[in-house]
């Protein structure tokens, strides 16, 4: 099988991928949800975590 690369896309993301991985590892969304509960009636959470 032969593969030929005809073009490439280059994007600058800065520190976003590193910060996102750190925030996931620290469970920042879960911490925000625990500290700012929705009272069980919210359709979405404050952090981008699980919908209650």
PDB file of N, CA and C in Angstrom:
ATOM      1  N   UNK A   1       0.844  -1.168   0.000  1.00  0.00           N
ATOM      2  CA  UNK A   1       0.000   0.000   0.000  1.00  0.00           C
ATOM      3  C   UNK A   1       0.894   1.236   0.000  1.00  0.00           C
ATOM      4  N   UNK A   2       0.569   2.195  -0.849  1.00  0.00           N
ATOM      5  CA  UNK A   2       1.343   3.420  -0.947  1.00  0.00           C
ATOM      6  C   UNK A   2       0.478   4.600  -0.526  1.00  0.00           C
ATOM      7  N   UNK A   3       1.065   5.504   0.240  1.00  0.00           N
ATOM      8  CA  UNK A   3       0.341   6.679   0.728  1.00  0.00           C
ATOM      9  C   UNK A   3       1.103   7.926   0.300  1.00  0.00           C
ATOM     10  N   UNK A   4       0.393   8.874  -0.273  1.00  0.00           N
ATOM     11  CA  UNK A   4       1.008  10.120  -0.715  1.00  0.00           C
ATOM     12  C   UNK A   4       0.309  11.271  -0.013  1.00  0.00           C
ATOM     13  N   UNK A   5       1.084  12.108   0.667  1.00  0.00           N
ATOM     14  CA  UNK A   5       0.530  13.290   1.325  1.00  0.00           C
ATOM     15  C   UNK A   5       0.572  14.435   0.333  1.00  0.00           C
ATOM     16  N   UNK A   6      -0.602  15.012   0.052  1.00  0.00           N
ATOM     17  CA  UNK A   6      -0.667  16.083  -0.938  1.00  0.00           C
ATOM     18  C   UNK A   6      -0.813  17.454  -0.304  1.00  0.00           C
ATOM     19  N   UNK A   7      -1.275  17.523   0.935  1.00  0.00           N
ATOM     20  CA  UNK A   7      -1.401  18.816   1.600  1.00  0.00           C
ATOM     21  C   UNK A   7      -1.382  18.613   3.111  1.00  0.00           C
ATOM     22  N   UNK A   8      -1.139  19.692   3.818  1.00  0.00           N
ATOM     23  CA  UNK A   8      -1.112  19.645   5.278  1.00  0.00           C
ATOM     24  C   UNK A   8      -1.787  20.897   5.817  1.00  0.00           C
ATOM     25  N   UNK A   9      -2.420  20.765   6.974  1.00  0.00           N
ATOM     26  CA  UNK A   9      -3.074  21.889   7.628  1.00  0.00           C
ATOM     27  C   UNK A   9      -2.312  22.171   8.917  1.00  0.00           C
ATOM     28  N   UNK A  10      -1.995  23.418   9.128  1.00  0.00           N
ATOM     29  CA  UNK A  10      -1.253  23.806  10.325  1.00  0.00           C
ATOM     30  C   UNK A  10      -2.113  24.780  11.121  1.00  0.00           C
ATOM     31  N   UNK A  11      -2.345  24.467  12.401  1.00  0.00           N
ATOM     32  CA  UNK A  11      -3.151  25.332  13.256  1.00  0.00           C
ATOM     33  C   UNK A  11      -2.391  25.604  14.548  1.00  0.00           C
ATOM     34  N   UNK A  12      -2.506  26.800  15.044  1.00  0.00           N
ATOM     35  CA  UNK A  12      -1.898  27.152  16.322  1.00  0.00           C
ATOM     36  C   UNK A  12      -2.977  27.095  17.391  1.00  0.00           C
ATOM     37  N   UNK A  13      -2.770  26.273  18.385  1.00  0.00           N
ATOM     38  CA  UNK A  13      -3.740  26.131  19.461  1.00  0.00           C
ATOM     39  C   UNK A  13      -3.244  26.740  20.761  1.00  0.00           C
ATOM     40  N   UNK A  14      -1.979  27.096  20.834  1.00  0.00           N
ATOM     41  CA  UNK A  14      -1.432  27.663  22.053  1.00  0.00           C
ATOM     42  C   UNK A  14      -1.434  26.636  23.175  1.00  0.00           C
ATOM     43  N   UNK A  15      -1.746  27.087  24.370  1.00  0.00           N
ATOM     44  CA  UNK A  15      -1.713  26.227  25.548  1.00  0.00           C
ATOM     45  C   UNK A  15      -3.051  25.531  25.805  1.00  0.00           C
ATOM     46  N   UNK A  16      -4.038  25.750  24.952  1.00  0.00           N
ATOM     47  CA  UNK A  16      -5.371  25.188  25.182  1.00  0.00           C
ATOM     48  C   UNK A  16      -5.382  23.669  25.354  1.00  0.00           C
ATOM     49  N   UNK A  17      -4.723  22.876  24.512  1.00  0.00           N
ATOM     50  CA  UNK A  17      -4.744  21.425  24.721  1.00  0.00           C
ATOM     51  C   UNK A  17      -4.129  21.003  26.057  1.00  0.00           C
ATOM     52  N   UNK A  18      -3.072  21.678  26.473  1.00  0.00           N
ATOM     53  CA  UNK A  18      -2.433  21.358  27.755  1.00  0.00           C
ATOM     54  C   UNK A  18      -3.361  21.720  28.904  1.00  0.00           C
ATOM     55  N   UNK A  19      -3.935  22.920  28.845  1.00  0.00           N
ATOM     56  CA  UNK A  19      -4.843  23.361  29.911  1.00  0.00           C
ATOM     57  C   UNK A  19      -6.079  22.469  29.978  1.00  0.00           C
ATOM     58  N   UNK A  20      -6.633  22.089  28.837  1.00  0.00           N
ATOM     59  CA  UNK A  20      -7.827  21.247  28.822  1.00  0.00           C
ATOM     60  C   UNK A  20      -7.549  19.890  29.461  1.00  0.00           C
ATOM     61  N   UNK A  21      -6.392  19.312  29.154  1.00  0.00           N
ATOM     62  CA  UNK A  21      -6.044  18.009  29.744  1.00  0.00           C
ATOM     63  C   UNK A  21      -5.856  18.133  31.245  1.00  0.00           C
ATOM     64  N   UNK A  22      -5.204  19.197  31.701  1.00  0.00           N
ATOM     65  CA  UNK A  22      -5.024  19.412  33.143  1.00  0.00           C
ATOM     66  C   UNK A  22      -6.364  19.590  33.852  1.00  0.00           C
ATOM     67  N   UNK A  23      -7.264  20.359  33.257  1.00  0.00           N
ATOM     68  CA  UNK A  23      -8.579  20.578  33.861  1.00  0.00           C
ATOM     69  C   UNK A  23      -9.385  19.282  33.912  1.00  0.00           C
ATOM     70  N   UNK A  24      -9.260  18.440  32.877  1.00  0.00           N
ATOM     71  CA  UNK A  24      -9.929  17.134  32.898  1.00  0.00           C
ATOM     72  C   UNK A  24      -9.372  16.265  34.012  1.00  0.00           C
ATOM     73  N   UNK A  25      -8.046  16.241  34.122  1.00  0.00           N
ATOM     74  CA  UNK A  25      -7.392  15.404  35.129  1.00  0.00           C
ATOM     75  C   UNK A  25      -7.755  15.868  36.543  1.00  0.00           C
ATOM     76  N   UNK A  26      -7.894  17.170  36.743  1.00  0.00           N
ATOM     77  CA  UNK A  26      -8.256  17.715  38.053  1.00  0.00           C
ATOM     78  C   UNK A  26      -9.758  17.663  38.321  1.00  0.00           C
ATOM     79  N   UNK A  27     -10.544  17.231  37.355  1.00  0.00           N
ATOM     80  CA  UNK A  27     -12.007  17.170  37.450  1.00  0.00           C
ATOM     81  C   UNK A  27     -12.584  18.531  37.833  1.00  0.00           C
ATOM     82  N   UNK A  28     -12.135  19.569  37.117  1.00  0.00           N
ATOM     83  CA  UNK A  28     -12.592  20.930  37.393  1.00  0.00           C
ATOM     84  C   UNK A  28     -14.107  21.058  37.210  1.00  0.00           C
ATOM     85  N   UNK A  29     -14.662  20.434  36.181  1.00  0.00           N
ATOM     86  CA  UNK A  29     -16.109  20.513  35.953  1.00  0.00           C
ATOM     87  C   UNK A  29     -16.872  19.874  37.105  1.00  0.00           C
ATOM     88  N   UNK A  30     -16.398  18.743  37.596  1.00  0.00           N
ATOM     89  CA  UNK A  30     -17.051  18.088  38.728  1.00  0.00           C
ATOM     90  C   UNK A  30     -16.973  18.919  39.994  1.00  0.00           C
ATOM     91  N   UNK A  31     -15.834  19.581  40.203  1.00  0.00           N
ATOM     92  CA  UNK A  31     -15.685  20.446  41.374  1.00  0.00           C
ATOM     93  C   UNK A  31     -16.649  21.621  41.302  1.00  0.00           C
ATOM     94  N   UNK A  32     -16.762  22.252  40.137  1.00  0.00           N
ATOM     95  CA  UNK A  32     -17.708  23.361  39.970  1.00  0.00           C
ATOM     96  C   UNK A  32     -19.128  22.876  40.219  1.00  0.00           C
ATOM     97  N   UNK A  33     -19.482  21.711  39.707  1.00  0.00           N
ATOM     98  CA  UNK A  33     -20.833  21.177  39.904  1.00  0.00           C
ATOM     99  C   UNK A  33     -21.112  20.865  41.369  1.00  0.00           C
ATOM    100  N   UNK A  34     -20.108  20.383  42.104  1.00  0.00           N
ATOM    101  CA  UNK A  34     -20.314  20.097  43.528  1.00  0.00           C
ATOM    102  C   UNK A  34     -20.464  21.376  44.335  1.00  0.00           C
ATOM    103  N   UNK A  35     -19.711  22.422  43.983  1.00  0.00           N
ATOM    104  CA  UNK A  35     -19.752  23.675  44.731  1.00  0.00           C
ATOM    105  C   UNK A  35     -20.945  24.551  44.350  1.00  0.00           C
ATOM    106  N   UNK A  36     -21.474  24.389  43.157  1.00  0.00           N
ATOM    107  CA  UNK A  36     -22.610  25.174  42.675  1.00  0.00           C
ATOM    108  C   UNK A  36     -23.702  24.226  42.199  1.00  0.00           C
ATOM    109  N   UNK A  37     -24.351  23.524  43.127  1.00  0.00           N
ATOM    110  CA  UNK A  37     -25.361  22.540  42.717  1.00  0.00           C
ATOM    111  C   UNK A  37     -26.558  23.215  42.045  1.00  0.00           C
ATOM    112  N   UNK A  38     -27.192  22.480  41.156  1.00  0.00           N
ATOM    113  CA  UNK A  38     -28.355  22.996  40.440  1.00  0.00           C
ATOM    114  C   UNK A  38     -29.656  22.754  41.181  1.00  0.00           C
ATOM    115  N   UNK A  39     -29.597  22.193  42.352  1.00  0.00           N
ATOM    116  CA  UNK A  39     -30.812  21.953  43.117  1.00  0.00           C
ATOM    117  C   UNK A  39     -31.658  20.812  42.580  1.00  0.00           C
ATOM    118  N   UNK A  40     -31.111  20.025  41.673  1.00  0.00           N
ATOM    119  CA  UNK A  40     -31.845  18.886  41.139  1.00  0.00           C
ATOM    120  C   UNK A  40     -32.879  19.251  40.085  1.00  0.00           C
ATOM    121  N   UNK A  41     -33.020  20.547  39.770  1.00  0.00           N
ATOM    122  CA  UNK A  41     -34.018  20.953  38.772  1.00  0.00           C
ATOM    123  C   UNK A  41     -33.367  21.463  37.494  1.00  0.00           C
ATOM    124  N   UNK A  42     -32.042  21.568  37.489  1.00  0.00           N
ATOM    125  CA  UNK A  42     -31.344  22.111  36.320  1.00  0.00           C
ATOM    126  C   UNK A  42     -31.316  21.099  35.180  1.00  0.00           C
ATOM    127  N   UNK A  43     -31.440  21.620  33.977  1.00  0.00           N
ATOM    128  CA  UNK A  43     -31.347  20.775  32.785  1.00  0.00           C
ATOM    129  C   UNK A  43     -29.897  20.591  32.351  1.00  0.00           C
ATOM    130  N   UNK A  44     -29.037  21.551  32.701  1.00  0.00           N
ATOM    131  CA  UNK A  44     -27.611  21.472  32.420  1.00  0.00           C
ATOM    132  C   UNK A  44     -26.853  21.838  33.688  1.00  0.00           C
ATOM    133  N   UNK A  45     -25.574  21.522  33.727  1.00  0.00           N
ATOM    134  CA  UNK A  45     -24.777  21.805  34.905  1.00  0.00           C
ATOM    135  C   UNK A  45     -23.963  23.085  34.703  1.00  0.00           C
ATOM    136  N   UNK A  46     -23.418  23.617  35.804  1.00  0.00           N
ATOM    137  CA  UNK A  46     -22.578  24.807  35.714  1.00  0.00           C
ATOM    138  C   UNK A  46     -21.254  24.484  35.026  1.00  0.00           C
ATOM    139  N   UNK A  47     -20.667  23.362  35.401  1.00  0.00           N
ATOM    140  CA  UNK A  47     -19.465  22.875  34.723  1.00  0.00           C
ATOM    141  C   UNK A  47     -19.915  22.076  33.513  1.00  0.00           C
ATOM    142  N   UNK A  48     -19.053  21.868  32.539  1.00  0.00           N
ATOM    143  CA  UNK A  48     -19.487  21.117  31.364  1.00  0.00           C
ATOM    144  C   UNK A  48     -19.518  19.611  31.627  1.00  0.00           C
ATOM    145  N   UNK A  49     -19.949  19.230  32.815  1.00  0.00           N
ATOM    146  CA  UNK A  49     -19.992  17.826  33.196  1.00  0.00           C
ATOM    147  C   UNK A  49     -21.291  17.160  32.777  1.00  0.00           C
ATOM    148  N   UNK A  50     -21.689  16.182  33.530  1.00  0.00           N
ATOM    149  CA  UNK A  50     -22.881  15.396  33.226  1.00  0.00           C
ATOM    150  C   UNK A  50     -24.158  16.180  33.469  1.00  0.00           C
ATOM    151  N   UNK A  51     -25.147  15.946  32.650  1.00  0.00           N
ATOM    152  CA  UNK A  51     -26.471  16.536  32.849  1.00  0.00           C
ATOM    153  C   UNK A  51     -27.159  15.745  33.938  1.00  0.00           C
ATOM    154  N   UNK A  52     -27.759  16.473  34.874  1.00  0.00           N
ATOM    155  CA  UNK A  52     -28.434  15.790  35.995  1.00  0.00           C
ATOM    156  C   UNK A  52     -29.823  15.340  35.621  1.00  0.00           C
TER     157      UNK A  52
END
